[in-house]
Amino acid sequence: MNPRVIWAALAATAAIGLAACEKQGPVERAGEEVDEAVDTIKHGGEESTANKVDDALDEARDAVEDKTKN
């Protein structure tokens, strides 16, 4: 495989990863909550493990943001 193609793919992956780490605004969080609600309904009313992990990460992120603001 061409090394330029490999480096381009790695650069694109890194750019996407960095973009995903941006701070979420209220609209993104609301959309995430809607997605989680739909997923919960699909699983018969039980919250999936992935949703529980996402919620825990959101709470941790909020706690860090609160600490850095003060």
N, C-alpha and C. Protein backbone atom coordinates (compact mmCIF):
# COMPACT_ATOMS: atom_id res chain seq x y z
N MET A 1 0.84 -1.17 0.00
CA MET A 1 0.00 0.00 0.00
C MET A 1 0.90 1.25 0.00
N ASN A 2 0.43 2.28 -0.63
CA ASN A 2 1.18 3.52 -0.76
C ASN A 2 1.30 4.21 0.60
N PRO A 3 2.52 4.58 1.02
CA PRO A 3 2.69 5.26 2.31
C PRO A 3 1.94 6.58 2.42
N ARG A 4 1.78 7.28 1.31
CA ARG A 4 1.02 8.54 1.34
C ARG A 4 -0.44 8.30 1.68
N VAL A 5 -0.99 7.22 1.18
CA VAL A 5 -2.38 6.89 1.48
C VAL A 5 -2.52 6.54 2.97
N ILE A 6 -1.57 5.82 3.48
CA ILE A 6 -1.61 5.45 4.90
C ILE A 6 -1.52 6.71 5.76
N TRP A 7 -0.59 7.62 5.46
CA TRP A 7 -0.46 8.84 6.24
C TRP A 7 -1.70 9.71 6.12
N ALA A 8 -2.29 9.77 4.95
CA ALA A 8 -3.51 10.56 4.77
C ALA A 8 -4.65 9.98 5.60
N ALA A 9 -4.74 8.67 5.63
CA ALA A 9 -5.79 8.02 6.43
C ALA A 9 -5.57 8.28 7.92
N LEU A 10 -4.32 8.20 8.35
CA LEU A 10 -4.02 8.47 9.76
C LEU A 10 -4.31 9.92 10.12
N ALA A 11 -3.98 10.85 9.24
CA ALA A 11 -4.25 12.26 9.49
C ALA A 11 -5.75 12.53 9.56
N ALA A 12 -6.50 11.90 8.67
CA ALA A 12 -7.96 12.08 8.68
C ALA A 12 -8.56 11.51 9.95
N THR A 13 -8.08 10.37 10.39
CA THR A 13 -8.57 9.76 11.62
C THR A 13 -8.26 10.65 12.82
N ALA A 14 -7.06 11.20 12.86
CA ALA A 14 -6.69 12.09 13.97
C ALA A 14 -7.55 13.35 13.97
N ALA A 15 -7.82 13.90 12.81
CA ALA A 15 -8.64 15.11 12.72
C ALA A 15 -10.06 14.84 13.21
N ILE A 16 -10.60 13.69 12.84
CA ILE A 16 -11.95 13.34 13.29
C ILE A 16 -11.96 13.13 14.80
N GLY A 17 -10.93 12.49 15.32
CA GLY A 17 -10.84 12.26 16.76
C GLY A 17 -10.75 13.56 17.54
N LEU A 18 -9.98 14.51 17.04
CA LEU A 18 -9.86 15.80 17.71
C LEU A 18 -11.16 16.59 17.64
N ALA A 19 -11.84 16.50 16.52
CA ALA A 19 -13.12 17.20 16.39
C ALA A 19 -14.16 16.63 17.34
N ALA A 20 -14.07 15.34 17.62
CA ALA A 20 -15.04 14.71 18.52
C ALA A 20 -14.81 15.13 19.97
N CYS A 21 -13.64 15.66 20.29
CA CYS A 21 -13.33 16.06 21.66
C CYS A 21 -13.75 17.49 21.98
N GLU A 22 -14.35 18.17 21.04
CA GLU A 22 -14.78 19.54 21.29
C GLU A 22 -15.86 19.58 22.36
N LYS A 23 -15.94 20.71 23.03
CA LYS A 23 -16.94 20.90 24.07
C LYS A 23 -18.33 20.87 23.46
N GLN A 24 -19.22 20.14 24.09
CA GLN A 24 -20.58 20.02 23.60
C GLN A 24 -21.41 21.22 24.05
N GLY A 25 -22.21 21.72 23.14
CA GLY A 25 -23.14 22.78 23.47
C GLY A 25 -24.47 22.19 23.91
N PRO A 26 -25.42 23.03 24.27
CA PRO A 26 -26.71 22.53 24.74
C PRO A 26 -27.48 21.74 23.69
N VAL A 27 -27.35 22.12 22.43
CA VAL A 27 -28.07 21.41 21.36
C VAL A 27 -27.51 20.00 21.18
N GLU A 28 -26.16 19.88 21.22
CA GLU A 28 -25.55 18.56 21.08
C GLU A 28 -25.93 17.66 22.24
N ARG A 29 -25.96 18.21 23.44
CA ARG A 29 -26.34 17.42 24.60
C ARG A 29 -27.80 16.98 24.52
N ALA A 30 -28.66 17.87 24.07
CA ALA A 30 -30.08 17.52 23.92
C ALA A 30 -30.24 16.41 22.89
N GLY A 31 -29.52 16.51 21.79
CA GLY A 31 -29.58 15.47 20.77
C GLY A 31 -29.09 14.14 21.30
N GLU A 32 -28.04 14.19 22.12
CA GLU A 32 -27.52 12.96 22.72
C GLU A 32 -28.55 12.34 23.66
N GLU A 33 -29.24 13.17 24.42
CA GLU A 33 -30.26 12.67 25.33
C GLU A 33 -31.42 12.02 24.56
N VAL A 34 -31.79 12.62 23.44
CA VAL A 34 -32.86 12.04 22.61
C VAL A 34 -32.41 10.69 22.07
N ASP A 35 -31.18 10.61 21.59
CA ASP A 35 -30.64 9.35 21.08
C ASP A 35 -30.65 8.28 22.17
N GLU A 36 -30.27 8.65 23.38
CA GLU A 36 -30.26 7.69 24.48
C GLU A 36 -31.68 7.25 24.84
N ALA A 37 -32.64 8.18 24.78
CA ALA A 37 -34.02 7.82 25.09
C ALA A 37 -34.56 6.83 24.06
N VAL A 38 -34.27 7.07 22.80
CA VAL A 38 -34.71 6.15 21.74
C VAL A 38 -34.07 4.79 21.93
N ASP A 39 -32.78 4.77 22.27
CA ASP A 39 -32.08 3.51 22.50
C ASP A 39 -32.69 2.76 23.69
N THR A 40 -33.05 3.49 24.73
CA THR A 40 -33.68 2.87 25.90
C THR A 40 -35.03 2.25 25.54
N ILE A 41 -35.80 2.96 24.74
CA ILE A 41 -37.10 2.43 24.30
C ILE A 41 -36.91 1.17 23.46
N LYS A 42 -35.90 1.16 22.61
CA LYS A 42 -35.62 -0.02 21.78
C LYS A 42 -35.25 -1.23 22.63
N HIS A 43 -34.63 -0.98 23.78
CA HIS A 43 -34.22 -2.08 24.66
C HIS A 43 -35.29 -2.41 25.71
N GLY A 44 -36.52 -2.05 25.44
CA GLY A 44 -37.62 -2.42 26.32
C GLY A 44 -37.66 -1.66 27.63
N GLY A 45 -37.13 -0.44 27.65
CA GLY A 45 -37.20 0.39 28.84
C GLY A 45 -35.97 0.30 29.73
N GLU A 46 -35.05 -0.60 29.43
CA GLU A 46 -33.82 -0.70 30.21
C GLU A 46 -32.72 0.10 29.53
N GLU A 47 -32.03 0.91 30.33
CA GLU A 47 -30.93 1.70 29.79
C GLU A 47 -29.75 0.78 29.49
N SER A 48 -29.19 0.92 28.31
CA SER A 48 -28.07 0.07 27.92
C SER A 48 -26.81 0.46 28.69
N THR A 49 -25.87 -0.44 28.72
CA THR A 49 -24.59 -0.18 29.39
C THR A 49 -23.87 0.99 28.73
N ALA A 50 -23.95 1.09 27.42
CA ALA A 50 -23.31 2.20 26.70
C ALA A 50 -23.89 3.54 27.14
N ASN A 51 -25.21 3.59 27.33
CA ASN A 51 -25.83 4.83 27.79
C ASN A 51 -25.40 5.17 29.21
N LYS A 52 -25.27 4.15 30.05
CA LYS A 52 -24.83 4.38 31.43
C LYS A 52 -23.41 4.93 31.45
N VAL A 53 -22.56 4.39 30.59
CA VAL A 53 -21.18 4.87 30.50
C VAL A 53 -21.16 6.31 29.99
N ASP A 54 -21.96 6.60 28.96
CA ASP A 54 -22.04 7.96 28.44
C ASP A 54 -22.50 8.94 29.51
N ASP A 55 -23.49 8.55 30.29
CA ASP A 55 -23.98 9.41 31.37
C ASP A 55 -22.89 9.66 32.41
N ALA A 56 -22.16 8.62 32.76
CA ALA A 56 -21.08 8.78 33.74
C ALA A 56 -19.98 9.70 33.21
N LEU A 57 -19.66 9.57 31.93
CA LEU A 57 -18.66 10.45 31.32
C LEU A 57 -19.13 11.90 31.29
N ASP A 58 -20.41 12.09 30.98
CA ASP A 58 -20.96 13.45 30.98
C ASP A 58 -20.90 14.06 32.37
N GLU A 59 -21.24 13.29 33.39
CA GLU A 59 -21.19 13.79 34.76
C GLU A 59 -19.75 14.14 35.16
N ALA A 60 -18.80 13.30 34.77
CA ALA A 60 -17.40 13.56 35.09
C ALA A 60 -16.92 14.82 34.36
N ARG A 61 -17.31 14.98 33.11
CA ARG A 61 -16.93 16.15 32.33
C ARG A 61 -17.51 17.42 32.97
N ASP A 62 -18.77 17.35 33.39
CA ASP A 62 -19.40 18.49 34.04
C ASP A 62 -18.70 18.84 35.35
N ALA A 63 -18.31 17.84 36.11
CA ALA A 63 -17.62 18.08 37.38
C ALA A 63 -16.27 18.75 37.15
N VAL A 64 -15.55 18.32 36.11
CA VAL A 64 -14.27 18.93 35.80
C VAL A 64 -14.47 20.38 35.35
N GLU A 65 -15.47 20.61 34.53
CA GLU A 65 -15.75 21.97 34.07
C GLU A 65 -16.11 22.88 35.24
N ASP A 66 -16.91 22.37 36.18
CA ASP A 66 -17.27 23.14 37.36
C ASP A 66 -16.04 23.49 38.20
N LYS A 67 -15.12 22.55 38.34
CA LYS A 67 -13.90 22.77 39.13
C LYS A 67 -13.00 23.80 38.45
N THR A 68 -12.92 23.76 37.12
CA THR A 68 -12.03 24.68 36.42
C THR A 68 -12.61 26.09 36.36
N LYS A 69 -13.92 26.23 36.44
CA LYS A 69 -14.56 27.56 36.43
C LYS A 69 -14.34 28.28 37.75
N ASN A 70 -14.23 27.53 38.84
CA ASN A 70 -14.09 28.16 40.16
C ASN A 70 -12.69 28.39 40.51
